Amino acid sequence: MIVLVPAVLAGARFAINHLLLVLGYLIVVHAFTGFTAMSIPVASLINTRERFVGIVGAVSMPLFFASNALYPIEIVPEAIKVFAEVNPLTYAVDAVRNLVLYSNLDISVDLLALTLFNILVAVVKSNKIIE
């Protein structure tokens, strides 16, 4: 909600439908459930908070820049395009953008990708592959 006010002041036009805003928020929560599940084992292995923040930055920045958050996937180089297509953040951004900016409810592929990501992280974590 904090981001919406400056965005409106900058000229962004959002869906007026409050249900779509709430659904967008729930998609963000769903998306970052998997990222949180991945970070908990890493945090338990790191001795200091500063190191953990550094590792989070080293992982999250490439994910952010290789998603469709800044540029359309169609215009990025092929190597980044391949990475963007398996990047869960790409699907989270796409779903929220479709809901909040375009009032487009066709987000089934995005929800499927995010759910598969969360299941994959849960399976990997439960099998103690990540410790």
N, C-alpha and C. Protein backbone atom coordinates (compact mmCIF):
# COMPACT_ATOMS: atom_id res chain seq x y z
N MET A 1 0.82 -1.19 0.00
CA MET A 1 0.00 0.00 0.00
C MET A 1 0.87 1.26 0.00
N ILE A 2 2.05 1.16 0.59
CA ILE A 2 2.94 2.33 0.65
C ILE A 2 3.39 2.72 -0.75
N VAL A 3 3.56 1.78 -1.64
CA VAL A 3 4.03 2.05 -2.99
C VAL A 3 2.92 2.66 -3.85
N LEU A 4 1.67 2.36 -3.54
CA LEU A 4 0.58 2.82 -4.39
C LEU A 4 0.43 4.34 -4.40
N VAL A 5 0.59 4.98 -3.26
CA VAL A 5 0.41 6.44 -3.19
C VAL A 5 1.44 7.17 -4.05
N PRO A 6 2.75 6.92 -3.91
CA PRO A 6 3.69 7.60 -4.82
C PRO A 6 3.47 7.24 -6.28
N ALA A 7 3.04 6.00 -6.54
CA ALA A 7 2.80 5.61 -7.93
C ALA A 7 1.66 6.41 -8.53
N VAL A 8 0.60 6.62 -7.78
CA VAL A 8 -0.52 7.43 -8.26
C VAL A 8 -0.07 8.86 -8.47
N LEU A 9 0.73 9.40 -7.55
CA LEU A 9 1.25 10.76 -7.70
C LEU A 9 2.15 10.88 -8.93
N ALA A 10 2.80 9.79 -9.31
CA ALA A 10 3.67 9.80 -10.49
C ALA A 10 2.88 9.58 -11.78
N GLY A 11 1.59 9.29 -11.67
CA GLY A 11 0.77 9.16 -12.86
C GLY A 11 0.32 7.76 -13.21
N ALA A 12 0.61 6.78 -12.39
CA ALA A 12 0.17 5.42 -12.66
C ALA A 12 -1.34 5.32 -12.49
N ARG A 13 -1.95 4.52 -13.30
CA ARG A 13 -3.40 4.28 -13.24
C ARG A 13 -3.64 2.84 -12.82
N PHE A 14 -4.34 2.68 -11.72
CA PHE A 14 -4.59 1.35 -11.17
C PHE A 14 -6.04 0.98 -11.35
N ALA A 15 -6.31 -0.30 -11.20
CA ALA A 15 -7.69 -0.79 -11.18
C ALA A 15 -8.37 -0.22 -9.94
N ILE A 16 -9.55 0.25 -10.10
CA ILE A 16 -10.29 0.82 -8.98
C ILE A 16 -10.90 -0.28 -8.12
N ASN A 17 -10.91 -1.48 -8.62
CA ASN A 17 -11.51 -2.61 -7.93
C ASN A 17 -10.65 -3.00 -6.73
N HIS A 18 -11.20 -2.82 -5.54
CA HIS A 18 -10.45 -3.13 -4.32
C HIS A 18 -10.20 -4.63 -4.17
N LEU A 19 -11.10 -5.43 -4.72
CA LEU A 19 -10.91 -6.88 -4.67
C LEU A 19 -9.65 -7.29 -5.44
N LEU A 20 -9.39 -6.63 -6.58
CA LEU A 20 -8.18 -6.94 -7.36
C LEU A 20 -6.92 -6.51 -6.60
N LEU A 21 -6.99 -5.41 -5.87
CA LEU A 21 -5.85 -4.98 -5.06
C LEU A 21 -5.56 -6.00 -3.96
N VAL A 22 -6.61 -6.49 -3.32
CA VAL A 22 -6.43 -7.50 -2.27
C VAL A 22 -5.90 -8.79 -2.87
N LEU A 23 -6.42 -9.18 -4.03
CA LEU A 23 -5.93 -10.38 -4.70
C LEU A 23 -4.45 -10.23 -5.09
N GLY A 24 -4.07 -9.05 -5.54
CA GLY A 24 -2.67 -8.78 -5.85
C GLY A 24 -1.78 -8.92 -4.62
N TYR A 25 -2.28 -8.41 -3.50
CA TYR A 25 -1.53 -8.55 -2.24
C TYR A 25 -1.37 -10.01 -1.86
N LEU A 26 -2.43 -10.79 -2.01
CA LEU A 26 -2.37 -12.22 -1.67
C LEU A 26 -1.40 -12.97 -2.59
N ILE A 27 -1.30 -12.54 -3.83
CA ILE A 27 -0.34 -13.16 -4.74
C ILE A 27 1.08 -12.85 -4.30
N VAL A 28 1.31 -11.63 -3.83
CA VAL A 28 2.64 -11.28 -3.32
C VAL A 28 2.98 -12.16 -2.12
N VAL A 29 2.02 -12.33 -1.22
CA VAL A 29 2.26 -13.20 -0.06
C VAL A 29 2.53 -14.63 -0.51
N HIS A 30 1.76 -15.12 -1.46
CA HIS A 30 1.96 -16.48 -1.98
C HIS A 30 3.34 -16.62 -2.61
N ALA A 31 3.74 -15.64 -3.38
CA ALA A 31 5.03 -15.70 -4.06
C ALA A 31 6.19 -15.71 -3.07
N PHE A 32 6.11 -14.89 -2.07
CA PHE A 32 7.23 -14.77 -1.16
C PHE A 32 7.23 -15.80 -0.04
N THR A 33 6.23 -16.66 -0.04
CA THR A 33 6.26 -17.80 0.87
C THR A 33 7.42 -18.72 0.49
N GLY A 34 7.58 -18.98 -0.79
CA GLY A 34 8.68 -19.83 -1.26
C GLY A 34 10.04 -19.21 -1.00
N PHE A 35 10.16 -17.88 -1.25
CA PHE A 35 11.43 -17.20 -1.00
C PHE A 35 11.78 -17.22 0.49
N THR A 36 10.77 -17.07 1.34
CA THR A 36 11.00 -17.12 2.78
C THR A 36 11.42 -18.52 3.20
N ALA A 37 10.77 -19.52 2.64
CA ALA A 37 11.12 -20.91 2.96
C ALA A 37 12.54 -21.23 2.54
N MET A 38 13.01 -20.60 1.45
CA MET A 38 14.40 -20.82 1.04
C MET A 38 15.38 -20.10 1.95
N SER A 39 14.99 -18.95 2.48
CA SER A 39 15.94 -18.16 3.26
C SER A 39 16.09 -18.64 4.70
N ILE A 40 15.11 -19.32 5.24
CA ILE A 40 15.20 -19.76 6.63
C ILE A 40 16.37 -20.72 6.86
N PRO A 41 16.56 -21.76 6.04
CA PRO A 41 17.74 -22.62 6.26
C PRO A 41 19.06 -21.87 6.09
N VAL A 42 19.10 -20.94 5.14
CA VAL A 42 20.32 -20.16 4.95
C VAL A 42 20.59 -19.31 6.18
N ALA A 43 19.55 -18.68 6.72
CA ALA A 43 19.71 -17.83 7.90
C ALA A 43 20.18 -18.64 9.11
N SER A 44 19.73 -19.89 9.19
CA SER A 44 20.13 -20.71 10.34
C SER A 44 21.60 -21.12 10.27
N LEU A 45 22.18 -21.09 9.06
CA LEU A 45 23.59 -21.47 8.91
C LEU A 45 24.55 -20.30 9.07
N ILE A 46 24.04 -19.08 8.93
CA ILE A 46 24.88 -17.89 8.96
C ILE A 46 25.00 -17.39 10.39
N ASN A 47 26.22 -17.00 10.76
CA ASN A 47 26.46 -16.57 12.14
C ASN A 47 26.04 -15.13 12.41
N THR A 48 26.13 -14.27 11.42
CA THR A 48 25.82 -12.87 11.68
C THR A 48 24.72 -12.37 10.74
N ARG A 49 24.01 -11.36 11.21
CA ARG A 49 22.94 -10.76 10.43
C ARG A 49 23.48 -10.09 9.18
N GLU A 50 24.66 -9.48 9.29
CA GLU A 50 25.24 -8.77 8.15
C GLU A 50 25.54 -9.72 7.00
N ARG A 51 26.06 -10.88 7.31
CA ARG A 51 26.34 -11.87 6.26
C ARG A 51 25.06 -12.33 5.58
N PHE A 52 24.03 -12.56 6.40
CA PHE A 52 22.75 -12.99 5.83
C PHE A 52 22.17 -11.93 4.90
N VAL A 53 22.24 -10.68 5.30
CA VAL A 53 21.75 -9.59 4.44
C VAL A 53 22.55 -9.54 3.15
N GLY A 54 23.83 -9.76 3.22
CA GLY A 54 24.66 -9.80 2.03
C GLY A 54 24.27 -10.92 1.09
N ILE A 55 24.01 -12.09 1.65
CA ILE A 55 23.61 -13.23 0.83
C ILE A 55 22.24 -12.98 0.20
N VAL A 56 21.32 -12.43 0.98
CA VAL A 56 20.00 -12.12 0.44
C VAL A 56 20.11 -11.12 -0.71
N GLY A 57 20.96 -10.12 -0.56
CA GLY A 57 21.17 -9.16 -1.64
C GLY A 57 21.78 -9.80 -2.87
N ALA A 58 22.73 -10.70 -2.64
CA ALA A 58 23.39 -11.38 -3.77
C ALA A 58 22.45 -12.30 -4.52
N VAL A 59 21.41 -12.77 -3.87
CA VAL A 59 20.43 -13.64 -4.53
C VAL A 59 19.27 -12.82 -5.10
N SER A 60 18.77 -11.86 -4.33
CA SER A 60 17.57 -11.15 -4.76
C SER A 60 17.81 -10.17 -5.90
N MET A 61 18.94 -9.53 -5.95
CA MET A 61 19.17 -8.56 -7.01
C MET A 61 19.22 -9.21 -8.39
N PRO A 62 19.93 -10.32 -8.59
CA PRO A 62 19.86 -10.97 -9.91
C PRO A 62 18.44 -11.45 -10.25
N LEU A 63 17.71 -11.95 -9.26
CA LEU A 63 16.34 -12.37 -9.52
C LEU A 63 15.48 -11.18 -9.96
N PHE A 64 15.67 -10.05 -9.31
CA PHE A 64 14.90 -8.85 -9.65
C PHE A 64 15.23 -8.35 -11.05
N PHE A 65 16.51 -8.20 -11.34
CA PHE A 65 16.90 -7.66 -12.64
C PHE A 65 16.64 -8.62 -13.78
N ALA A 66 16.58 -9.92 -13.49
CA ALA A 66 16.31 -10.90 -14.54
C ALA A 66 14.82 -11.25 -14.62
N SER A 67 13.99 -10.48 -13.95
CA SER A 67 12.54 -10.68 -14.07
C SER A 67 11.98 -9.63 -15.01
N ASN A 68 10.68 -9.61 -15.14
CA ASN A 68 10.04 -8.61 -15.98
C ASN A 68 9.61 -7.37 -15.19
N ALA A 69 10.22 -7.15 -14.04
CA ALA A 69 9.84 -6.01 -13.21
C ALA A 69 10.26 -4.68 -13.84
N LEU A 70 11.37 -4.65 -14.55
CA LEU A 70 11.86 -3.40 -15.13
C LEU A 70 11.68 -3.33 -16.64
N TYR A 71 11.89 -4.45 -17.32
CA TYR A 71 11.85 -4.48 -18.78
C TYR A 71 10.98 -5.63 -19.24
N PRO A 72 10.30 -5.47 -20.37
CA PRO A 72 9.56 -6.61 -20.92
C PRO A 72 10.53 -7.72 -21.32
N ILE A 73 10.13 -8.94 -21.10
CA ILE A 73 10.98 -10.08 -21.41
C ILE A 73 11.33 -10.14 -22.90
N GLU A 74 10.45 -9.63 -23.72
CA GLU A 74 10.66 -9.71 -25.17
C GLU A 74 11.89 -8.94 -25.64
N ILE A 75 12.35 -7.94 -24.89
CA ILE A 75 13.46 -7.11 -25.37
C ILE A 75 14.80 -7.44 -24.72
N VAL A 76 14.83 -8.37 -23.79
CA VAL A 76 16.09 -8.69 -23.11
C VAL A 76 16.87 -9.72 -23.94
N PRO A 77 18.18 -9.82 -23.73
CA PRO A 77 18.98 -10.84 -24.44
C PRO A 77 18.48 -12.25 -24.15
N GLU A 78 18.75 -13.14 -25.06
CA GLU A 78 18.22 -14.51 -24.98
C GLU A 78 18.63 -15.23 -23.69
N ALA A 79 19.87 -15.04 -23.25
CA ALA A 79 20.33 -15.71 -22.01
C ALA A 79 19.52 -15.26 -20.81
N ILE A 80 19.22 -13.98 -20.73
CA ILE A 80 18.42 -13.46 -19.61
C ILE A 80 16.97 -13.89 -19.78
N LYS A 81 16.50 -13.98 -21.00
CA LYS A 81 15.13 -14.41 -21.27
C LYS A 81 14.90 -15.83 -20.75
N VAL A 82 15.87 -16.71 -20.96
CA VAL A 82 15.74 -18.09 -20.48
C VAL A 82 15.68 -18.11 -18.95
N PHE A 83 16.55 -17.32 -18.32
CA PHE A 83 16.54 -17.25 -16.86
C PHE A 83 15.25 -16.62 -16.35
N ALA A 84 14.74 -15.61 -17.04
CA ALA A 84 13.50 -14.94 -16.63
C ALA A 84 12.31 -15.88 -16.69
N GLU A 85 12.33 -16.81 -17.62
CA GLU A 85 11.21 -17.73 -17.76
C GLU A 85 11.14 -18.78 -16.65
N VAL A 86 12.24 -19.01 -15.94
CA VAL A 86 12.21 -19.92 -14.79
C VAL A 86 12.29 -19.16 -13.46
N ASN A 87 12.32 -17.86 -13.54
CA ASN A 87 12.42 -17.00 -12.35
C ASN A 87 11.01 -16.82 -11.76
N PRO A 88 10.78 -17.26 -10.53
CA PRO A 88 9.45 -17.12 -9.94
C PRO A 88 9.02 -15.65 -9.78
N LEU A 89 9.97 -14.76 -9.63
CA LEU A 89 9.62 -13.35 -9.50
C LEU A 89 8.97 -12.82 -10.78
N THR A 90 9.32 -13.34 -11.92
CA THR A 90 8.70 -12.96 -13.19
C THR A 90 7.20 -13.21 -13.14
N TYR A 91 6.81 -14.35 -12.61
CA TYR A 91 5.40 -14.71 -12.56
C TYR A 91 4.65 -13.91 -11.51
N ALA A 92 5.30 -13.59 -10.40
CA ALA A 92 4.66 -12.75 -9.39
C ALA A 92 4.41 -11.35 -9.94
N VAL A 93 5.41 -10.78 -10.60
CA VAL A 93 5.25 -9.44 -11.18
C VAL A 93 4.17 -9.45 -12.25
N ASP A 94 4.18 -10.47 -13.09
CA ASP A 94 3.20 -10.55 -14.17
C ASP A 94 1.77 -10.64 -13.62
N ALA A 95 1.56 -11.46 -12.60
CA ALA A 95 0.22 -11.61 -12.02
C ALA A 95 -0.25 -10.31 -11.38
N VAL A 96 0.58 -9.70 -10.58
CA VAL A 96 0.18 -8.45 -9.92
C VAL A 96 -0.04 -7.35 -10.94
N ARG A 97 0.82 -7.26 -11.93
CA ARG A 97 0.66 -6.24 -12.97
C ARG A 97 -0.66 -6.44 -13.72
N ASN A 98 -0.97 -7.68 -14.08
CA ASN A 98 -2.23 -7.94 -14.79
C ASN A 98 -3.44 -7.57 -13.95
N LEU A 99 -3.41 -7.88 -12.68
CA LEU A 99 -4.55 -7.57 -11.82
C LEU A 99 -4.69 -6.08 -11.55
N VAL A 100 -3.63 -5.48 -11.09
CA VAL A 100 -3.70 -4.11 -10.56
C VAL A 100 -3.70 -3.05 -11.66
N LEU A 101 -2.95 -3.28 -12.71
CA LEU A 101 -2.87 -2.26 -13.76
C LEU A 101 -3.89 -2.48 -14.88
N TYR A 102 -4.14 -3.74 -15.23
CA TYR A 102 -4.96 -4.02 -16.40
C TYR A 102 -6.31 -4.67 -16.08
N SER A 103 -6.58 -4.94 -14.81
CA SER A 103 -7.82 -5.62 -14.39
C SER A 103 -8.02 -6.93 -15.15
N ASN A 104 -6.93 -7.60 -15.45
CA ASN A 104 -6.95 -8.85 -16.21
C ASN A 104 -6.88 -10.01 -15.24
N LEU A 105 -7.90 -10.85 -15.24
CA LEU A 105 -7.94 -11.99 -14.31
C LEU A 105 -7.29 -13.25 -14.87
N ASP A 106 -6.71 -13.17 -16.04
CA ASP A 106 -6.07 -14.33 -16.67
C ASP A 106 -4.66 -14.50 -16.11
N ILE A 107 -4.58 -15.01 -14.89
CA ILE A 107 -3.29 -15.18 -14.21
C ILE A 107 -3.05 -16.64 -13.84
N SER A 108 -3.75 -17.55 -14.51
CA SER A 108 -3.65 -18.97 -14.14
C SER A 108 -2.24 -19.52 -14.32
N VAL A 109 -1.56 -19.14 -15.40
CA VAL A 109 -0.18 -19.62 -15.63
C VAL A 109 0.73 -19.09 -14.53
N ASP A 110 0.55 -17.82 -14.16
CA ASP A 110 1.38 -17.23 -13.11
C ASP A 110 1.14 -17.93 -11.77
N LEU A 111 -0.12 -18.18 -11.43
CA LEU A 111 -0.42 -18.87 -10.17
C LEU A 111 0.13 -20.29 -10.17
N LEU A 112 0.03 -20.96 -11.31
CA LEU A 112 0.58 -22.32 -11.41
C LEU A 112 2.09 -22.31 -11.21
N ALA A 113 2.77 -21.38 -11.85
CA ALA A 113 4.23 -21.31 -11.71
C ALA A 113 4.63 -21.01 -10.27
N LEU A 114 3.94 -20.08 -9.62
CA LEU A 114 4.26 -19.74 -8.23
C LEU A 114 3.96 -20.91 -7.29
N THR A 115 2.88 -21.60 -7.53
CA THR A 115 2.53 -22.76 -6.70
C THR A 115 3.55 -23.88 -6.89
N LEU A 116 3.97 -24.13 -8.13
CA LEU A 116 5.00 -25.15 -8.37
C LEU A 116 6.31 -24.76 -7.69
N PHE A 117 6.66 -23.48 -7.73
CA PHE A 117 7.87 -23.01 -7.05
C PHE A 117 7.77 -23.28 -5.55
N ASN A 118 6.63 -22.95 -4.95
CA ASN A 118 6.46 -23.18 -3.51
C ASN A 118 6.50 -24.66 -3.17
N ILE A 119 5.89 -25.49 -4.01
CA ILE A 119 5.93 -26.94 -3.79
C ILE A 119 7.36 -27.46 -3.91
N LEU A 120 8.07 -27.00 -4.92
CA LEU A 120 9.46 -27.43 -5.12
C LEU A 120 10.32 -27.06 -3.91
N VAL A 121 10.17 -25.85 -3.42
CA VAL A 121 10.95 -25.43 -2.25
C VAL A 121 10.57 -26.26 -1.03
N ALA A 122 9.29 -26.54 -0.86
CA ALA A 122 8.85 -27.34 0.28
C ALA A 122 9.39 -28.76 0.19
N VAL A 123 9.38 -29.35 -1.00
CA VAL A 123 9.89 -30.71 -1.17
C VAL A 123 11.39 -30.76 -0.92
N VAL A 124 12.10 -29.81 -1.50
CA VAL A 124 13.55 -29.76 -1.31
C VAL A 124 13.89 -29.57 0.15
N LYS A 125 13.17 -28.66 0.80
CA LYS A 125 13.43 -28.38 2.21
C LYS A 125 13.06 -29.58 3.09
N SER A 126 11.94 -30.24 2.78
CA SER A 126 11.52 -31.37 3.61
C SER A 126 12.42 -32.58 3.42
N ASN A 127 13.04 -32.70 2.26
CA ASN A 127 13.98 -33.79 2.02
C ASN A 127 15.37 -33.47 2.53
N LYS A 128 15.50 -32.36 3.19
CA LYS A 128 16.75 -31.92 3.82
C LYS A 128 17.87 -31.77 2.81
N ILE A 129 17.50 -31.44 1.56
CA ILE A 129 18.53 -31.14 0.58
C ILE A 129 19.14 -29.78 0.92
N ILE A 130 18.30 -28.87 1.39
CA ILE A 130 18.78 -27.57 1.87
C ILE A 130 18.83 -27.66 3.39
N GLU A 131 19.96 -27.44 3.97
CA GLU A 131 20.07 -27.44 5.43
C GLU A 131 20.88 -26.28 5.88
